[in-house]
Each structure stands twice: as C-alpha cells, then as structure tokens.
Amino acid sequence: MPLETLSNNRCFEGEQLRFKHHSETLNCAMNFSVYLPPGAKSGQVPVLYWLSGLTCTDENFVTKAGAQRYAAEHGIALVMPDTSPRGDGVSDDPEAAYDFGLAAGFYVNATEEPWSRHYHMYDYVSDELPELLKELAVIDTQRASISGHSMGGHGAITIGLNNPQNYRSISAFAPISSPTRCPWGKKALGGYLGNDPRSWMRHDSALLIESASNHLPLLVDQGDADNFLEEQLKPELLIDAAAKSQYPLQHRMQAGYDHSYFFIASFIHDHIAFHAKYLKN
C-alpha cells in the first residue's frame, strides 16, 4: 500500500510531512512523520530516526523539540514513527495504563497473546520503516543514525546495538537504561515477552553495552532533576556497563533539567550535530 500524505508544511525552507500507511508488520494502519531539509531538493540526504517515549505519538517530537532548524542546517532528514500500533482491534491495557499497551510499545516484538497480534515495534522500526522510506527517494537510508527519549531512548540504544550494520551513531535523552531492573521495564517486558527474563536481555541497553563488540558512537544526556531518575532510568547502570566493557559512551548529566521536552529542546542541537559528524560521508 503506498504512502498517503496527511499533511505537508513548509519549515526552515524544508518540508514537514506526515504519512499514513498500512503496516504489514503491525497489521494495522500507522502514521509517521518526516522532516526533509532544504538540501533534499538537490540530492539525497542522510536520516536520523527519532523514537519517542511513553504516552507519545509521532507528533510530539515534531511540535515540541525544535529539531527542524538544526536538521535543516546539517542537511539531515528526521523520521519519527509512532510509539505503538493503533486502531480498532489493537489491544490496550485493560486499565488503560500509560506504561503498557497503546503508546507504550517498548520497541520489542511481542510474543505473548494478545500483544503478539500487533505489537512488533522492533521490526517496524528496524525493517519496515526503512523499506517504506525508499518511496521517498531523497532519503539515503544507507546513511542512518538513531535517537530517542525515555522509552524511545531504550529503543534507540537497543535497536542500534542489535543492528550495528544499519546505523552510524546512537544518542538518547533520559533512556530507560536497564529495563530488566526497573518497574517500567519489568512490566513491559514481562507482558510482551513472557516471564522468562532470558528473553528480555537483548532489550536491555546496559547489558548490551557490557557485551557489545561493535562500539557505535553513543551520546546520552540525562537531567539530574528528572523525577524518574532513581526508580526507572538508573543511568548509573549504563555508565557502569560502559566502564566495564570500555565502551566509548559520552554521558552528560545536565544540572536542573527534568524529563520533559523542555530538556530535549535545550540539547537537541548537540545531538543533531553529533550525528552529523558520522552521517556526512
């Protein structure tokens, strides 16, 4: 099924677009957003995928982060998928919890019913979405990096480290550093993947860093006023894993910043410049 254009807005001399399509991977209709920088008018541009966090859609980053300005300057396309499958027939948490079900796909391939019918966000991001982008010939999917926030930071690091051949660099804001060791992660991984913790390990950023043989450039920003810092995010586990394996992690603790998009907007320019170094050639 071809992409259906839902919107197209001029932005920093480029284009902010939103598309709809039927996802074979997720077995439902999906939306995703794309920013094309002005350089896309004269040739192919590299791509940075952005994965958003709990409760978000493809539009939160588009409207709140202010990233288009810097993507335009560096000549990078931005691609923002949704955070879970959507629509009639897609299962949700019975209690409509914010941390499981709709808007909380956790970027894994669910194996447990009823989630396994639709919740395959890992394959959607790593496989189906790059194939869809071939319809936009101006995007060079061979030059790709990945980033995200919170649940999406977890997704960016785990998808990047599990598929190092597909990405040049990784970054994250306030990622869930070790889902196997925090309440959000235990609930999501247990619900989507079952009760055997061995099936969770490839979705744990800290554990992946401990055993990574490919050291993709990795930048992480964390606010020290984040109210999820100690219970859910546990950045010390990421830092300790990198030290143990001598992984070249650049981890920055930003004083006074919380978990919000105000934090992301304050440092997104650094992240886009970081990825630009690896995407240009």
C-alpha atoms as a PDB file:
ATOM      1  CA  MET A   1       0.000   0.000   0.000  1.00  0.00           C
ATOM      2  CA  PRO A   2       1.536   3.363  -0.991  1.00  0.00           C
ATOM      3  CA  LEU A   3       2.092   6.177   1.463  1.00  0.00           C
ATOM      4  CA  GLU A   4      -0.813   8.583   1.919  1.00  0.00           C
ATOM      5  CA  THR A   5       0.248  12.162   2.647  1.00  0.00           C
ATOM      6  CA  LEU A   6      -1.732  13.564   5.582  1.00  0.00           C
ATOM      7  CA  SER A   7      -0.005  16.945   5.828  1.00  0.00           C
ATOM      8  CA  ASN A   8       2.834  18.967   4.327  1.00  0.00           C
ATOM      9  CA  ASN A   9       4.112  22.189   5.929  1.00  0.00           C
ATOM     10  CA  ARG A  10       6.989  24.411   4.896  1.00  0.00           C
ATOM     11  CA  CYS A  11       9.536  24.567   7.717  1.00  0.00           C
ATOM     12  CA  PHE A  12      13.007  26.174   7.709  1.00  0.00           C
ATOM     13  CA  GLU A  13      12.958  26.069   3.899  1.00  0.00           C
ATOM     14  CA  GLY A  14      12.308  22.329   4.043  1.00  0.00           C
ATOM     15  CA  GLU A  15       9.168  20.221   4.407  1.00  0.00           C
ATOM     16  CA  GLN A  16       7.475  18.793   7.478  1.00  0.00           C
ATOM     17  CA  LEU A  17       5.365  15.851   6.315  1.00  0.00           C
ATOM     18  CA  ARG A  18       3.068  13.293   7.875  1.00  0.00           C
ATOM     19  CA  PHE A  19       2.184   9.983   6.236  1.00  0.00           C
ATOM     20  CA  LYS A  20      -0.315   7.161   6.742  1.00  0.00           C
ATOM     21  CA  HIS A  21       0.121   3.585   5.539  1.00  0.00           C
ATOM     22  CA  HIS A  22      -0.909   0.022   6.275  1.00  0.00           C
ATOM     23  CA  SER A  23       1.794  -1.768   8.225  1.00  0.00           C
ATOM     24  CA  GLU A  24       2.315  -5.414   7.347  1.00  0.00           C
ATOM     25  CA  THR A  25       4.494  -5.788  10.431  1.00  0.00           C
ATOM     26  CA  LEU A  26       1.960  -4.370  12.875  1.00  0.00           C
ATOM     27  CA  ASN A  27      -1.175  -5.470  10.997  1.00  0.00           C
ATOM     28  CA  CYS A  28      -2.836  -2.056  11.295  1.00  0.00           C
ATOM     29  CA  ALA A  29      -2.801   1.465   9.892  1.00  0.00           C
ATOM     30  CA  MET A  30       0.107   3.610  11.077  1.00  0.00           C
ATOM     31  CA  ASN A  31       1.190   7.232  10.880  1.00  0.00           C
ATOM     32  CA  PHE A  32       4.737   8.542  10.845  1.00  0.00           C
ATOM     33  CA  SER A  33       6.295  11.974  10.375  1.00  0.00           C
ATOM     34  CA  VAL A  34       9.238  13.069   8.247  1.00  0.00           C
ATOM     35  CA  TYR A  35      11.209  16.302   8.059  1.00  0.00           C
ATOM     36  CA  LEU A  36      13.031  16.863   4.775  1.00  0.00           C
ATOM     37  CA  PRO A  37      15.726  19.572   4.956  1.00  0.00           C
ATOM     38  CA  PRO A  38      16.136  22.060   2.099  1.00  0.00           C
ATOM     39  CA  GLY A  39      19.132  20.064   0.853  1.00  0.00           C
ATOM     40  CA  ALA A  40      16.744  17.270  -0.159  1.00  0.00           C
ATOM     41  CA  LYS A  41      15.670  19.447  -3.102  1.00  0.00           C
ATOM     42  CA  SER A  42      19.051  18.937  -4.765  1.00  0.00           C
ATOM     43  CA  GLY A  43      20.079  15.418  -3.763  1.00  0.00           C
ATOM     44  CA  GLN A  44      19.895  12.593  -1.251  1.00  0.00           C
ATOM     45  CA  VAL A  45      20.225  13.313   2.457  1.00  0.00           C
ATOM     46  CA  PRO A  46      21.033  11.024   5.409  1.00  0.00           C
ATOM     47  CA  VAL A  47      18.411  10.167   8.017  1.00  0.00           C
ATOM     48  CA  LEU A  48      18.079  10.333  11.792  1.00  0.00           C
ATOM     49  CA  TYR A  49      15.312   8.188  13.298  1.00  0.00           C
ATOM     50  CA  TRP A  50      13.697   9.517  16.474  1.00  0.00           C
ATOM     51  CA  LEU A  51      11.858   7.179  18.868  1.00  0.00           C
ATOM     52  CA  SER A  52       9.541   8.863  21.358  1.00  0.00           C
ATOM     53  CA  GLY A  53       8.611   7.817  24.872  1.00  0.00           C
ATOM     54  CA  LEU A  54       5.596   6.664  26.839  1.00  0.00           C
ATOM     55  CA  THR A  55       2.238   8.342  26.007  1.00  0.00           C
ATOM     56  CA  CYS A  56       3.642   9.912  22.812  1.00  0.00           C
ATOM     57  CA  THR A  57       2.748   9.677  19.115  1.00  0.00           C
ATOM     58  CA  ASP A  58       4.809  10.556  16.055  1.00  0.00           C
ATOM     59  CA  GLU A  59       3.897  14.228  16.525  1.00  0.00           C
ATOM     60  CA  ASN A  60       5.297  15.087  19.979  1.00  0.00           C
ATOM     61  CA  PHE A  61       8.885  15.484  18.821  1.00  0.00           C
ATOM     62  CA  VAL A  62       7.746  17.283  15.668  1.00  0.00           C
ATOM     63  CA  THR A  63       5.941  20.040  17.552  1.00  0.00           C
ATOM     64  CA  LYS A  64       7.957  20.343  20.790  1.00  0.00           C
ATOM     65  CA  ALA A  65      11.659  19.655  20.195  1.00  0.00           C
ATOM     66  CA  GLY A  66      12.562  22.410  17.713  1.00  0.00           C
ATOM     67  CA  ALA A  67      14.751  19.928  15.852  1.00  0.00           C
ATOM     68  CA  GLN A  68      13.871  21.012  12.303  1.00  0.00           C
ATOM     69  CA  ARG A  69      16.064  24.118  12.492  1.00  0.00           C
ATOM     70  CA  TYR A  70      19.182  22.059  13.205  1.00  0.00           C
ATOM     71  CA  ALA A  71      18.262  19.279  10.789  1.00  0.00           C
ATOM     72  CA  ALA A  72      17.954  21.939   8.082  1.00  0.00           C
ATOM     73  CA  GLU A  73      21.377  23.376   8.947  1.00  0.00           C
ATOM     74  CA  HIS A  74      23.072  19.969   8.847  1.00  0.00           C
ATOM     75  CA  GLY A  75      21.124  18.577   5.881  1.00  0.00           C
ATOM     76  CA  ILE A  76      19.626  15.609   7.733  1.00  0.00           C
ATOM     77  CA  ALA A  77      16.155  14.120   7.321  1.00  0.00           C
ATOM     78  CA  LEU A  78      14.244  13.309  10.511  1.00  0.00           C
ATOM     79  CA  VAL A  79      11.894  10.310  10.687  1.00  0.00           C
ATOM     80  CA  MET A  80       9.520   9.951  13.630  1.00  0.00           C
ATOM     81  CA  PRO A  81       7.426   6.742  13.926  1.00  0.00           C
ATOM     82  CA  ASP A  82       4.574   6.269  16.366  1.00  0.00           C
ATOM     83  CA  THR A  83       5.251   4.518  19.683  1.00  0.00           C
ATOM     84  CA  SER A  84       2.859   1.587  19.261  1.00  0.00           C
ATOM     85  CA  PRO A  85       0.295   0.083  16.890  1.00  0.00           C
ATOM     86  CA  ARG A  86      -3.086   1.852  16.796  1.00  0.00           C
ATOM     87  CA  GLY A  87      -6.670   1.390  15.685  1.00  0.00           C
ATOM     88  CA  ASP A  88      -9.713  -0.816  16.092  1.00  0.00           C
ATOM     89  CA  GLY A  89      -8.809  -4.313  17.184  1.00  0.00           C
ATOM     90  CA  VAL A  90      -5.401  -3.342  18.626  1.00  0.00           C
ATOM     91  CA  SER A  91      -5.225  -4.466  22.241  1.00  0.00           C
ATOM     92  CA  ASP A  92      -4.712  -1.994  25.051  1.00  0.00           C
ATOM     93  CA  ASP A  93      -4.028  -2.386  28.745  1.00  0.00           C
ATOM     94  CA  PRO A  94      -7.352  -3.337  30.411  1.00  0.00           C
ATOM     95  CA  GLU A  95      -6.916  -0.453  32.851  1.00  0.00           C
ATOM     96  CA  ALA A  96      -5.659   1.955  30.148  1.00  0.00           C
ATOM     97  CA  ALA A  97      -2.344   2.309  31.970  1.00  0.00           C
ATOM     98  CA  TYR A  98       0.082   4.824  30.473  1.00  0.00           C
ATOM     99  CA  ASP A  99       3.051   2.434  30.659  1.00  0.00           C
ATOM    100  CA  PHE A 100       1.664  -0.577  28.782  1.00  0.00           C
ATOM    101  CA  GLY A 101      -0.407  -1.094  25.642  1.00  0.00           C
ATOM    102  CA  LEU A 102      -1.280   1.833  23.387  1.00  0.00           C
ATOM    103  CA  ALA A 103       1.517   4.439  23.189  1.00  0.00           C
ATOM    104  CA  ALA A 104       3.787   2.058  25.105  1.00  0.00           C
ATOM    105  CA  GLY A 105       5.019  -0.472  22.548  1.00  0.00           C
ATOM    106  CA  PHE A 106       8.509  -0.503  24.130  1.00  0.00           C
ATOM    107  CA  TYR A 107      10.157  -1.231  20.761  1.00  0.00           C
ATOM    108  CA  VAL A 108      10.048  -5.026  21.153  1.00  0.00           C
ATOM    109  CA  ASN A 109       8.396  -7.854  19.204  1.00  0.00           C
ATOM    110  CA  ALA A 110       5.694  -9.226  21.493  1.00  0.00           C
ATOM    111  CA  THR A 111       5.446 -12.996  21.763  1.00  0.00           C
ATOM    112  CA  GLU A 112       2.548 -13.168  24.258  1.00  0.00           C
ATOM    113  CA  GLU A 113      -1.157 -13.033  23.380  1.00  0.00           C
ATOM    114  CA  PRO A 114      -2.948 -10.775  22.670  1.00  0.00           C
ATOM    115  CA  TRP A 115       0.015  -8.430  22.116  1.00  0.00           C
ATOM    116  CA  SER A 116       1.733 -10.637  19.541  1.00  0.00           C
ATOM    117  CA  ARG A 117      -1.009  -9.893  17.003  1.00  0.00           C
ATOM    118  CA  HIS A 118       0.142  -6.285  16.566  1.00  0.00           C
ATOM    119  CA  TYR A 119       2.967  -5.236  18.889  1.00  0.00           C
ATOM    120  CA  HIS A 120       6.097  -5.687  16.762  1.00  0.00           C
ATOM    121  CA  MET A 121       7.624  -2.228  17.043  1.00  0.00           C
ATOM    122  CA  TYR A 122      11.179  -3.589  16.956  1.00  0.00           C
ATOM    123  CA  ASP A 123      10.731  -4.984  13.439  1.00  0.00           C
ATOM    124  CA  TYR A 124       8.676  -1.985  12.374  1.00  0.00           C
ATOM    125  CA  VAL A 125      11.464   0.456  13.238  1.00  0.00           C
ATOM    126  CA  SER A 126      14.424  -1.650  12.139  1.00  0.00           C
ATOM    127  CA  ASP A 127      12.990  -3.247   8.981  1.00  0.00           C
ATOM    128  CA  GLU A 128       9.650  -1.990   7.671  1.00  0.00           C
ATOM    129  CA  LEU A 129      10.161   1.741   8.127  1.00  0.00           C
ATOM    130  CA  PRO A 130      13.463   1.903   6.178  1.00  0.00           C
ATOM    131  CA  GLU A 131      11.780  -0.005   3.341  1.00  0.00           C
ATOM    132  CA  LEU A 132       8.871   2.449   3.315  1.00  0.00           C
ATOM    133  CA  LEU A 133      11.270   5.362   3.086  1.00  0.00           C
ATOM    134  CA  LYS A 134      12.501   4.094  -0.269  1.00  0.00           C
ATOM    135  CA  GLU A 135       9.339   5.703  -1.655  1.00  0.00           C
ATOM    136  CA  LEU A 136      10.983   8.989  -0.687  1.00  0.00           C
ATOM    137  CA  ALA A 137      13.969   8.684  -2.974  1.00  0.00           C
ATOM    138  CA  VAL A 138      15.677  11.745  -1.488  1.00  0.00           C
ATOM    139  CA  ILE A 139      16.384   9.874   1.779  1.00  0.00           C
ATOM    140  CA  ASP A 140      19.570   7.800   1.788  1.00  0.00           C
ATOM    141  CA  THR A 141      18.642   5.002   4.197  1.00  0.00           C
ATOM    142  CA  GLN A 142      22.190   3.620   3.989  1.00  0.00           C
ATOM    143  CA  ARG A 143      23.351   6.639   5.990  1.00  0.00           C
ATOM    144  CA  ALA A 144      21.249   6.368   9.144  1.00  0.00           C
ATOM    145  CA  SER A 145      21.510   7.096  12.846  1.00  0.00           C
ATOM    146  CA  ILE A 146      19.000   6.648  15.668  1.00  0.00           C
ATOM    147  CA  SER A 147      17.973   8.603  18.748  1.00  0.00           C
ATOM    148  CA  GLY A 148      15.130   8.762  21.262  1.00  0.00           C
ATOM    149  CA  HIS A 149      13.772   9.756  24.660  1.00  0.00           C
ATOM    150  CA  SER A 150      12.988   7.656  27.744  1.00  0.00           C
ATOM    151  CA  MET A 151      11.255   4.504  26.406  1.00  0.00           C
ATOM    152  CA  GLY A 152      12.437   5.688  22.997  1.00  0.00           C
ATOM    153  CA  GLY A 153      15.981   6.141  24.310  1.00  0.00           C
ATOM    154  CA  HIS A 154      15.855   2.499  25.372  1.00  0.00           C
ATOM    155  CA  GLY A 155      14.570   1.638  21.895  1.00  0.00           C
ATOM    156  CA  ALA A 156      17.257   3.646  20.116  1.00  0.00           C
ATOM    157  CA  ILE A 157      20.128   2.108  22.066  1.00  0.00           C
ATOM    158  CA  THR A 158      18.872  -1.475  21.890  1.00  0.00           C
ATOM    159  CA  ILE A 159      17.899  -1.374  18.216  1.00  0.00           C
ATOM    160  CA  GLY A 160      21.160   0.378  17.371  1.00  0.00           C
ATOM    161  CA  LEU A 161      23.352  -2.057  19.287  1.00  0.00           C
ATOM    162  CA  ASN A 162      21.484  -5.112  17.978  1.00  0.00           C
ATOM    163  CA  ASN A 163      21.784  -3.864  14.376  1.00  0.00           C
ATOM    164  CA  PRO A 164      25.111  -2.010  14.204  1.00  0.00           C
ATOM    165  CA  GLN A 165      25.345  -2.579  10.469  1.00  0.00           C
ATOM    166  CA  ASN A 166      22.321  -0.313   9.932  1.00  0.00           C
ATOM    167  CA  TYR A 167      23.341   2.768  11.926  1.00  0.00           C
ATOM    168  CA  ARG A 168      26.300   5.160  12.115  1.00  0.00           C
ATOM    169  CA  SER A 169      25.646   6.517  15.628  1.00  0.00           C
ATOM    170  CA  ILE A 170      23.199   6.428  18.556  1.00  0.00           C
ATOM    171  CA  SER A 171      22.007   9.003  21.060  1.00  0.00           C
ATOM    172  CA  ALA A 172      19.394   9.223  23.784  1.00  0.00           C
ATOM    173  CA  PHE A 173      17.768  11.572  26.239  1.00  0.00           C
ATOM    174  CA  ALA A 174      16.986  10.086  29.656  1.00  0.00           C
ATOM    175  CA  PRO A 175      16.856   6.477  28.410  1.00  0.00           C
ATOM    176  CA  ILE A 176      15.475   3.587  30.433  1.00  0.00           C
ATOM    177  CA  SER A 177      18.972   2.227  30.903  1.00  0.00           C
ATOM    178  CA  SER A 178      18.169  -1.273  32.111  1.00  0.00           C
ATOM    179  CA  PRO A 179      14.547  -2.394  31.633  1.00  0.00           C
ATOM    180  CA  THR A 180      15.247  -5.741  33.270  1.00  0.00           C
ATOM    181  CA  ARG A 181      15.933  -3.856  36.523  1.00  0.00           C
ATOM    182  CA  CYS A 182      13.185  -1.212  36.753  1.00  0.00           C
ATOM    183  CA  PRO A 183       9.384  -1.268  37.211  1.00  0.00           C
ATOM    184  CA  TRP A 184       8.517   0.103  33.747  1.00  0.00           C
ATOM    185  CA  GLY A 185      10.738  -2.436  32.067  1.00  0.00           C
ATOM    186  CA  LYS A 186       9.716  -5.436  34.124  1.00  0.00           C
ATOM    187  CA  LYS A 187       6.043  -4.715  33.448  1.00  0.00           C
ATOM    188  CA  ALA A 188       6.507  -4.174  29.703  1.00  0.00           C
ATOM    189  CA  LEU A 189       8.995  -6.961  29.003  1.00  0.00           C
ATOM    190  CA  GLY A 190       7.090  -9.424  31.155  1.00  0.00           C
ATOM    191  CA  GLY A 191       3.798  -8.547  29.500  1.00  0.00           C
ATOM    192  CA  TYR A 192       5.039  -8.545  25.916  1.00  0.00           C
ATOM    193  CA  LEU A 193       7.701 -11.262  26.076  1.00  0.00           C
ATOM    194  CA  GLY A 194       6.633 -13.552  28.920  1.00  0.00           C
ATOM    195  CA  ASN A 195       8.076 -14.372  32.313  1.00  0.00           C
ATOM    196  CA  ASP A 196      11.450 -15.803  31.284  1.00  0.00           C
ATOM    197  CA  PRO A 197      13.989 -12.978  31.919  1.00  0.00           C
ATOM    198  CA  ARG A 198      16.395 -14.575  29.442  1.00  0.00           C
ATOM    199  CA  SER A 199      14.146 -13.350  26.618  1.00  0.00           C
ATOM    200  CA  TRP A 200      14.404  -9.801  27.949  1.00  0.00           C
ATOM    201  CA  MET A 201      18.180  -9.438  27.846  1.00  0.00           C
ATOM    202  CA  ARG A 202      18.576  -8.300  24.217  1.00  0.00           C
ATOM    203  CA  HIS A 203      16.301  -5.373  25.077  1.00  0.00           C
ATOM    204  CA  ASP A 204      18.426  -4.113  27.968  1.00  0.00           C
ATOM    205  CA  SER A 205      20.801  -1.283  26.995  1.00  0.00           C
ATOM    206  CA  ALA A 206      23.190  -1.750  29.910  1.00  0.00           C
ATOM    207  CA  LEU A 207      23.517  -5.483  29.316  1.00  0.00           C
ATOM    208  CA  LEU A 208      24.049  -4.950  25.586  1.00  0.00           C
ATOM    209  CA  ILE A 209      26.780  -2.396  26.237  1.00  0.00           C
ATOM    210  CA  GLU A 210      28.544  -4.859  28.530  1.00  0.00           C
ATOM    211  CA  SER A 211      28.816  -7.401  25.698  1.00  0.00           C
ATOM    212  CA  ALA A 212      28.952  -5.144  22.610  1.00  0.00           C
ATOM    213  CA  SER A 213      31.643  -5.974  20.082  1.00  0.00           C
ATOM    214  CA  ASN A 214      30.709  -3.060  17.787  1.00  0.00           C
ATOM    215  CA  HIS A 215      31.220   0.267  19.529  1.00  0.00           C
ATOM    216  CA  LEU A 216      28.919   2.671  17.734  1.00  0.00           C
ATOM    217  CA  PRO A 217      29.349   6.300  18.856  1.00  0.00           C
ATOM    218  CA  LEU A 218      26.863   6.868  21.698  1.00  0.00           C
ATOM    219  CA  LEU A 219      25.811  10.159  23.313  1.00  0.00           C
ATOM    220  CA  VAL A 220      23.419  10.216  26.301  1.00  0.00           C
ATOM    221  CA  ASP A 221      22.024  13.286  28.069  1.00  0.00           C
ATOM    222  CA  GLN A 222      20.299  12.999  31.437  1.00  0.00           C
ATOM    223  CA  GLY A 223      18.793  15.687  33.659  1.00  0.00           C
ATOM    224  CA  ASP A 224      19.617  15.462  37.350  1.00  0.00           C
ATOM    225  CA  ALA A 225      16.171  16.867  38.273  1.00  0.00           C
ATOM    226  CA  ASP A 226      14.356  14.075  36.439  1.00  0.00           C
ATOM    227  CA  ASN A 227      11.682  12.652  38.744  1.00  0.00           C
ATOM    228  CA  PHE A 228      12.121   9.170  37.164  1.00  0.00           C
ATOM    229  CA  LEU A 229      15.888   9.141  37.628  1.00  0.00           C
ATOM    230  CA  GLU A 230      16.387   6.746  40.525  1.00  0.00           C
ATOM    231  CA  GLU A 231      13.482   4.327  40.176  1.00  0.00           C
ATOM    232  CA  GLN A 232      13.087   3.936  36.404  1.00  0.00           C
ATOM    233  CA  LEU A 233      16.063   5.319  34.451  1.00  0.00           C
ATOM    234  CA  LYS A 234      19.065   4.248  36.556  1.00  0.00           C
ATOM    235  CA  PRO A 235      21.781   5.926  34.443  1.00  0.00           C
ATOM    236  CA  GLU A 236      24.472   4.569  36.757  1.00  0.00           C
ATOM    237  CA  LEU A 237      23.848   1.097  35.298  1.00  0.00           C
ATOM    238  CA  LEU A 238      24.592   2.404  31.812  1.00  0.00           C
ATOM    239  CA  ILE A 239      27.714   4.219  32.992  1.00  0.00           C
ATOM    240  CA  ASP A 240      28.976   1.197  34.931  1.00  0.00           C
ATOM    241  CA  ALA A 241      28.395  -1.116  31.954  1.00  0.00           C
ATOM    242  CA  ALA A 242      30.355   1.192  29.650  1.00  0.00           C
ATOM    243  CA  ALA A 243      33.233   1.375  32.123  1.00  0.00           C
ATOM    244  CA  LYS A 244      33.288  -2.403  32.497  1.00  0.00           C
ATOM    245  CA  SER A 245      33.415  -3.030  28.729  1.00  0.00           C
ATOM    246  CA  GLN A 246      35.416   0.107  27.834  1.00  0.00           C
ATOM    247  CA  TYR A 247      32.549   1.249  25.616  1.00  0.00           C
ATOM    248  CA  PRO A 248      33.136   4.870  24.478  1.00  0.00           C
ATOM    249  CA  LEU A 249      29.929   6.254  25.995  1.00  0.00           C
ATOM    250  CA  GLN A 250      29.631  10.039  26.205  1.00  0.00           C
ATOM    251  CA  HIS A 251      27.255  10.524  29.144  1.00  0.00           C
ATOM    252  CA  ARG A 252      26.349  14.044  30.257  1.00  0.00           C
ATOM    253  CA  MET A 253      24.425  14.854  33.447  1.00  0.00           C
ATOM    254  CA  GLN A 254      22.671  18.192  32.928  1.00  0.00           C
ATOM    255  CA  ALA A 255      22.060  20.168  36.128  1.00  0.00           C
ATOM    256  CA  GLY A 256      18.488  21.234  36.842  1.00  0.00           C
ATOM    257  CA  TYR A 257      16.830  19.562  33.847  1.00  0.00           C
ATOM    258  CA  ASP A 258      13.839  17.249  34.167  1.00  0.00           C
ATOM    259  CA  HIS A 259      12.212  14.608  31.936  1.00  0.00           C
ATOM    260  CA  SER A 260      10.230  16.979  29.721  1.00  0.00           C
ATOM    261  CA  TYR A 261      10.517  18.215  26.152  1.00  0.00           C
ATOM    262  CA  PHE A 262      11.993  21.434  27.555  1.00  0.00           C
ATOM    263  CA  PHE A 263      15.036  19.288  28.336  1.00  0.00           C
ATOM    264  CA  ILE A 264      15.078  17.798  24.847  1.00  0.00           C
ATOM    265  CA  ALA A 265      14.673  21.191  23.168  1.00  0.00           C
ATOM    266  CA  SER A 266      17.613  22.525  25.180  1.00  0.00           C
ATOM    267  CA  PHE A 267      20.115  19.976  23.865  1.00  0.00           C
ATOM    268  CA  ILE A 268      18.714  18.618  20.600  1.00  0.00           C
ATOM    269  CA  HIS A 269      21.120  20.828  18.659  1.00  0.00           C
ATOM    270  CA  ASP A 270      24.052  18.963  20.241  1.00  0.00           C
ATOM    271  CA  HIS A 271      22.572  15.594  19.313  1.00  0.00           C
ATOM    272  CA  ILE A 272      21.950  16.508  15.685  1.00  0.00           C
ATOM    273  CA  ALA A 273      25.470  17.929  15.388  1.00  0.00           C
ATOM    274  CA  PHE A 274      26.815  14.727  16.979  1.00  0.00           C
ATOM    275  CA  HIS A 275      25.064  12.540  14.416  1.00  0.00           C
ATOM    276  CA  ALA A 276      26.008  14.854  11.542  1.00  0.00           C
ATOM    277  CA  LYS A 277      29.689  14.012  12.080  1.00  0.00           C
ATOM    278  CA  TYR A 278      29.001  10.372  11.253  1.00  0.00           C
ATOM    279  CA  LEU A 279      26.304  10.792   8.587  1.00  0.00           C
ATOM    280  CA  LYS A 280      28.029  13.129   6.146  1.00  0.00           C
ATOM    281  CA  ASN A 281      30.176  10.548   4.359  1.00  0.00           C
END
